[in-house]
Amino acid sequence: MPEFVRITDVGPRDGLQNEAAPVPTAAKVALIDALAGAGLPEVEATAFVRSDLIPQLADAAEVMSTIERRPSTVYSTLVPNERGFDAAVTAGTDKVAVFTAASETFSQRNTNTSIEGTLHRFAPVFARCDAQEIPLRAYVSTVIACPYDGPIDPSAVANVVEQLLAMGPCEIDLGDTIGAAKPDDIERLLEAVTPLVQMDQLVLHLHDTGGLALACAERALHLGVRHFDASCGGLGGCPFAPGAPGNISTVALAKLCASMGFETGIDTIAVADAATTVRSLLNRD
């Protein structure tokens, strides 16, 4: 039986958060429903963040109350702090994600506090997730390079990962935020963090800025990574990371996995159709 690779589609959140023109709530709901229907085991649906900072996601509660819930799909949401956690739980999130970085400057630009400050900010989220048995994901951004600080030493990433794991049970999601990675960079990163975190707790979040995301994913698969983020149509990008235009495509990643003998459970035709629809809405080619 083929080994399973779990792909989380972050398109509805990371894929849309940086769009300048408002995306109708109904379109977001249709996208999430289409991705769940296409067999995605997890969809990152939205984020409970300040609407003045990320106005595109101001309708998070409405989105979560309108989607058609499928028991086979985990609907996760991003939260910056305990207030966001409360809103997410009220809205019926299945899983929450918090976010920090391996770069101090990026942390300041993205969260208006230091790395230490982010950990302090979401420590209560760790405690409440543990108490309420809600799965928790911890993003670490800029694990390869930072748009402000340049290349990031893998030891700096390992230091952040170690602190996160000490806070409580969580999934560690390593983000190449500006798409700077080459396959050898991924190997060095994994060498630094895998002594700390079990492979089944590890997620790789790749951006395709340099056109090497698939090559990096292939190397990671050879090294044992079995959980990735991707985005339908390659949409995405962080509003606080210049030069980070898009995530690795869900369809391209699923096809890579299939070519290597892995199973994803994803209907790539259905995902491609959903991507075409949303890109048309956004006036993308």
Protein backbone atom coordinates (compact mmCIF):
# COMPACT_ATOMS: atom_id res chain seq x y z
CA MET A 1 0.00 0.00 0.00
CA PRO A 2 1.43 3.43 -0.94
CA GLU A 3 2.67 5.66 1.87
CA PHE A 4 0.41 8.66 2.55
CA VAL A 5 1.55 12.28 2.22
CA ARG A 6 -0.73 14.76 3.95
CA ILE A 7 -1.23 18.08 2.14
CA THR A 8 -2.90 21.05 3.82
CA ASP A 9 -4.30 23.60 1.38
CA VAL A 10 -3.67 27.05 2.82
CA GLY A 11 -5.12 28.88 -0.20
CA PRO A 12 -8.24 30.27 1.50
CA ARG A 13 -6.08 31.91 4.17
CA ASP A 14 -2.48 32.37 2.98
CA GLY A 15 -3.56 32.44 -0.64
CA LEU A 16 -6.06 35.27 -0.24
CA GLN A 17 -4.79 37.33 2.71
CA ASN A 18 -2.64 39.61 0.55
CA GLU A 19 -5.26 40.39 -2.10
CA ALA A 20 -5.98 44.12 -2.28
CA ALA A 21 -9.50 43.87 -3.70
CA PRO A 22 -12.13 42.31 -1.40
CA VAL A 23 -12.96 38.69 -2.17
CA PRO A 24 -16.66 37.97 -1.53
CA THR A 25 -17.36 35.75 1.44
CA ALA A 26 -19.43 33.45 -0.76
CA ALA A 27 -16.43 32.93 -3.05
CA LYS A 28 -14.23 32.01 -0.09
CA VAL A 29 -16.82 29.55 1.16
CA ALA A 30 -17.16 28.00 -2.30
CA LEU A 31 -13.37 27.60 -2.51
CA ILE A 32 -13.14 25.90 0.89
CA ASP A 33 -16.04 23.60 0.06
CA ALA A 34 -14.48 22.72 -3.29
CA LEU A 35 -11.12 21.89 -1.71
CA ALA A 36 -12.74 19.71 0.95
CA GLY A 37 -14.76 18.00 -1.78
CA ALA A 38 -11.54 17.36 -3.69
CA GLY A 39 -10.22 15.24 -0.83
CA LEU A 40 -7.96 17.69 1.01
CA PRO A 41 -7.52 16.25 4.51
CA GLU A 42 -7.01 19.75 5.91
CA VAL A 43 -7.94 23.23 4.70
CA GLU A 44 -6.66 26.34 6.45
CA ALA A 45 -9.89 28.26 6.09
CA THR A 46 -9.17 31.72 7.48
CA ALA A 47 -7.54 33.70 10.29
CA PHE A 48 -8.91 35.50 13.31
CA VAL A 49 -6.66 38.54 13.10
CA ARG A 50 -7.15 42.29 13.31
CA SER A 51 -9.23 43.47 10.38
CA ASP A 52 -7.30 46.74 10.13
CA LEU A 53 -4.11 44.77 9.48
CA ILE A 54 -5.53 41.99 7.28
CA PRO A 55 -8.85 43.35 5.99
CA GLN A 56 -9.24 40.49 3.52
CA LEU A 57 -9.95 38.11 6.41
CA ALA A 58 -12.35 40.30 8.36
CA ASP A 59 -15.19 37.88 7.55
CA ALA A 60 -13.57 34.92 9.32
CA ALA A 61 -16.52 34.15 11.59
CA GLU A 62 -18.99 34.32 8.71
CA VAL A 63 -16.84 32.05 6.58
CA MET A 64 -16.62 29.45 9.34
CA SER A 65 -20.36 29.55 9.97
CA THR A 66 -21.21 29.10 6.29
CA ILE A 67 -18.89 26.35 5.02
CA GLU A 68 -20.27 22.86 4.50
CA ARG A 69 -18.44 20.77 7.08
CA ARG A 70 -17.12 17.42 5.91
CA PRO A 71 -16.11 14.99 8.64
CA SER A 72 -13.11 13.88 6.57
CA THR A 73 -11.64 17.40 6.48
CA VAL A 74 -9.96 19.37 9.27
CA TYR A 75 -10.85 23.07 9.10
CA SER A 76 -7.99 24.98 10.71
CA THR A 77 -7.60 28.70 11.42
CA LEU A 78 -4.74 31.05 12.23
CA VAL A 79 -4.78 33.04 15.48
CA PRO A 80 -2.25 35.58 16.79
CA ASN A 81 -3.15 35.46 20.48
CA GLU A 82 -5.67 34.32 23.08
CA ARG A 83 -8.33 36.74 21.84
CA GLY A 84 -8.06 35.26 18.35
CA PHE A 85 -8.20 31.79 19.88
CA ASP A 86 -11.47 32.61 21.65
CA ALA A 87 -13.00 33.83 18.40
CA ALA A 88 -11.79 30.78 16.50
CA VAL A 89 -13.16 28.32 19.05
CA THR A 90 -16.50 30.14 19.11
CA ALA A 91 -16.58 29.84 15.31
CA GLY A 92 -16.01 26.09 15.52
CA THR A 93 -12.41 25.70 14.39
CA ASP A 94 -11.06 22.14 14.38
CA LYS A 95 -7.45 23.23 14.85
CA VAL A 96 -5.59 26.46 15.50
CA ALA A 97 -2.27 27.78 14.28
CA VAL A 98 0.02 30.36 15.87
CA PHE A 99 2.97 32.01 14.21
CA THR A 100 6.46 33.18 15.04
CA ALA A 101 9.68 33.50 13.05
CA ALA A 102 13.37 32.63 13.03
CA SER A 103 14.26 36.24 12.18
CA GLU A 104 13.95 39.05 14.73
CA THR A 105 13.34 41.75 12.14
CA PHE A 106 10.64 39.74 10.38
CA SER A 107 9.01 39.03 13.72
CA GLN A 108 8.87 42.76 14.47
CA ARG A 109 7.44 43.57 11.02
CA ASN A 110 4.93 40.71 11.01
CA THR A 111 3.79 40.71 14.66
CA ASN A 112 5.06 44.00 16.12
CA THR A 113 7.07 42.15 18.74
CA SER A 114 10.22 40.07 19.16
CA ILE A 115 10.39 36.31 18.80
CA GLU A 116 10.31 36.09 22.59
CA GLY A 117 7.30 38.39 22.55
CA THR A 118 5.40 36.13 20.18
CA LEU A 119 6.04 33.12 22.39
CA HIS A 120 4.80 35.02 25.42
CA ARG A 121 1.75 36.21 23.47
CA PHE A 122 0.53 32.78 22.51
CA ALA A 123 1.61 30.80 25.58
CA PRO A 124 -2.02 30.88 26.82
CA VAL A 125 -3.12 29.42 23.49
CA PHE A 126 -0.81 26.44 24.03
CA ALA A 127 -2.21 25.92 27.52
CA ARG A 128 -5.83 26.12 26.43
CA CYS A 129 -5.33 23.90 23.39
CA ASP A 130 -3.76 21.29 25.63
CA ALA A 131 -6.57 21.55 28.18
CA GLN A 132 -9.33 21.47 25.55
CA GLU A 133 -7.60 18.86 23.35
CA ILE A 134 -7.56 21.15 20.31
CA PRO A 135 -4.76 20.37 17.85
CA LEU A 136 -2.19 23.15 17.56
CA ARG A 137 0.15 24.12 14.74
CA ALA A 138 3.09 26.47 15.28
CA TYR A 139 4.41 28.24 12.20
CA VAL A 140 8.04 29.30 12.10
CA SER A 141 8.53 31.79 9.27
CA THR A 142 11.74 32.73 7.44
CA VAL A 143 13.46 29.40 8.14
CA ILE A 144 15.79 29.77 5.15
CA ALA A 145 16.11 33.51 4.59
CA CYS A 146 14.54 36.78 5.70
CA PRO A 147 13.77 39.72 3.40
CA TYR A 148 15.35 42.01 6.00
CA ASP A 149 18.03 39.94 7.79
CA GLY A 150 19.20 37.76 4.91
CA PRO A 151 20.15 34.07 5.26
CA ILE A 152 19.04 32.37 8.48
CA ASP A 153 21.28 29.85 10.19
CA PRO A 154 19.52 26.51 10.76
CA SER A 155 20.61 26.65 14.40
CA ALA A 156 18.44 29.75 14.87
CA VAL A 157 15.45 27.79 13.57
CA ALA A 158 16.26 24.87 15.85
CA ASN A 159 16.38 27.24 18.82
CA VAL A 160 12.87 28.52 18.11
CA VAL A 161 11.56 24.99 17.50
CA GLU A 162 13.00 23.84 20.81
CA GLN A 163 11.23 26.66 22.65
CA LEU A 164 7.93 25.89 20.95
CA LEU A 165 8.08 22.21 21.82
CA ALA A 166 8.81 23.10 25.43
CA MET A 167 5.52 25.06 25.55
CA GLY A 168 3.34 22.05 24.84
CA PRO A 169 2.15 19.59 22.20
CA CYS A 170 2.20 21.07 18.71
CA GLU A 171 2.85 20.49 15.06
CA ILE A 172 5.90 22.41 13.79
CA ASP A 173 5.41 24.10 10.41
CA LEU A 174 8.63 25.38 8.82
CA GLY A 175 8.02 28.19 6.35
CA ASP A 176 10.34 29.25 3.54
CA THR A 177 8.51 32.56 3.55
CA ILE A 178 10.25 34.21 0.60
CA GLY A 179 10.90 31.09 -1.45
CA ALA A 180 14.67 31.32 -1.17
CA ALA A 181 15.37 27.64 -0.51
CA LYS A 182 17.37 25.26 -2.63
CA PRO A 183 17.22 21.50 -1.97
CA ASP A 184 20.51 21.54 -0.04
CA ASP A 185 19.11 24.26 2.23
CA ILE A 186 16.15 22.03 3.06
CA GLU A 187 18.48 19.18 3.90
CA ARG A 188 20.55 21.38 6.23
CA LEU A 189 17.38 22.67 7.88
CA LEU A 190 16.05 19.18 8.50
CA GLU A 191 19.40 18.05 9.89
CA ALA A 192 19.12 20.86 12.45
CA VAL A 193 15.52 20.32 13.57
CA THR A 194 14.84 16.58 13.28
CA PRO A 195 16.82 15.76 16.43
CA LEU A 196 14.22 17.88 18.23
CA VAL A 197 10.92 17.06 16.53
CA GLN A 198 9.44 13.81 15.30
CA MET A 199 8.92 13.66 11.55
CA ASP A 200 5.17 13.10 11.92
CA GLN A 201 4.97 16.44 13.79
CA LEU A 202 6.79 18.31 11.03
CA VAL A 203 5.27 20.29 8.15
CA LEU A 204 7.07 22.05 5.31
CA HIS A 205 5.62 25.28 3.89
CA LEU A 206 7.30 26.21 0.60
CA HIS A 207 6.98 29.30 -1.58
CA ASP A 208 7.93 29.09 -5.23
CA THR A 209 9.52 32.51 -5.68
CA GLY A 210 12.72 31.02 -7.07
CA GLY A 211 11.03 28.22 -8.99
CA LEU A 212 12.63 25.52 -6.84
CA ALA A 213 9.76 24.63 -4.52
CA LEU A 214 9.07 21.28 -6.21
CA ALA A 215 12.75 20.36 -6.14
CA CYS A 216 12.82 21.22 -2.44
CA ALA A 217 9.69 19.14 -1.83
CA GLU A 218 11.23 16.21 -3.67
CA ARG A 219 14.34 16.36 -1.49
CA ALA A 220 12.19 16.63 1.63
CA LEU A 221 10.16 13.58 0.60
CA HIS A 222 13.37 11.60 0.14
CA LEU A 223 14.40 12.70 3.65
CA GLY A 224 11.14 11.54 5.23
CA VAL A 225 8.87 14.60 5.35
CA ARG A 226 5.25 13.50 4.90
CA HIS A 227 3.27 16.66 5.59
CA PHE A 228 3.30 19.78 3.41
CA ASP A 229 1.37 22.98 2.95
CA ALA A 230 0.33 24.03 -0.55
CA SER A 231 -2.11 26.42 -2.17
CA CYS A 232 -4.59 25.89 -4.98
CA GLY A 233 -3.31 27.64 -8.07
CA GLY A 234 -0.11 28.60 -6.26
CA LEU A 235 -1.83 31.60 -4.69
CA GLY A 236 -0.36 33.26 -1.66
CA GLY A 237 2.25 35.48 -0.16
CA CYS A 238 2.83 37.28 3.09
CA PRO A 239 1.91 40.99 3.22
CA PHE A 240 4.96 41.58 5.45
CA ALA A 241 7.45 39.69 3.23
CA PRO A 242 8.34 41.52 0.02
CA GLY A 243 9.14 39.07 -2.75
CA ALA A 244 6.96 36.21 -1.51
CA PRO A 245 4.38 35.95 -4.30
CA GLY A 246 3.06 32.42 -4.06
CA ASN A 247 2.96 29.05 -2.34
CA ILE A 248 3.78 25.77 -4.00
CA SER A 249 0.81 24.62 -6.08
CA THR A 250 -1.39 21.92 -4.52
CA VAL A 251 -1.85 20.20 -7.87
CA ALA A 252 1.86 20.26 -8.70
CA LEU A 253 2.77 18.90 -5.27
CA ALA A 254 0.13 16.15 -5.40
CA LYS A 255 1.37 15.11 -8.86
CA LEU A 256 4.97 15.04 -7.61
CA CYS A 257 3.91 12.80 -4.73
CA ALA A 258 2.07 10.46 -7.12
CA SER A 259 5.10 10.27 -9.42
CA MET A 260 7.18 9.17 -6.45
CA GLY A 261 4.71 6.47 -5.43
CA PHE A 262 2.96 8.31 -2.60
CA GLU A 263 -0.80 8.64 -2.04
CA THR A 264 -2.46 11.98 -1.19
CA GLY A 265 -6.16 11.23 -1.65
CA ILE A 266 -6.54 14.44 -3.65
CA ASP A 267 -8.56 14.82 -6.84
CA THR A 268 -6.16 17.07 -8.74
CA ILE A 269 -8.69 17.84 -11.49
CA ALA A 270 -11.17 19.17 -8.92
CA VAL A 271 -8.46 21.28 -7.26
CA ALA A 272 -7.38 22.65 -10.64
CA ASP A 273 -10.98 23.60 -11.39
CA ALA A 274 -11.27 25.39 -8.05
CA ALA A 275 -8.00 27.21 -8.72
CA THR A 276 -9.19 28.32 -12.15
CA THR A 277 -12.37 29.71 -10.64
CA VAL A 278 -10.63 31.68 -7.91
CA ARG A 279 -7.87 32.97 -10.19
CA SER A 280 -10.54 34.19 -12.62
CA LEU A 281 -12.25 35.99 -9.76
CA LEU A 282 -8.93 37.63 -8.89
CA ASN A 283 -8.26 38.50 -12.55
CA ARG A 284 -5.21 36.25 -12.66
CA ASP A 285 -4.07 34.36 -15.76
